[in-house]
Amino acid sequence: MSTPKRNEIKAGTKVAIVLKQDQRSGNLTEGIVKDILTKSATHPHGIKVRLIDGQVGRVKEIIE
């Protein structure tokens, strides 16, 4: 499973992210994207985003 690319993620997209403190456990947090923080098209650990509730993490999957 590869991580989504930047062009697949838009504000308002529902995603599952891994927060900084959850990187070892791999625990995913669901939320709605507010801002995309990564400038490059791809990132090996996932595109970094800010959710509407203020949490910041890397996108592991897009939820339909």
Foldseek 3Di string as FASTA:
>chain_A
DAADWPVVADAQFWFWFAAPVCPVVVDTDIAGFHAFDDPDGADRRATWTAGPVGGIGGTRGTDD
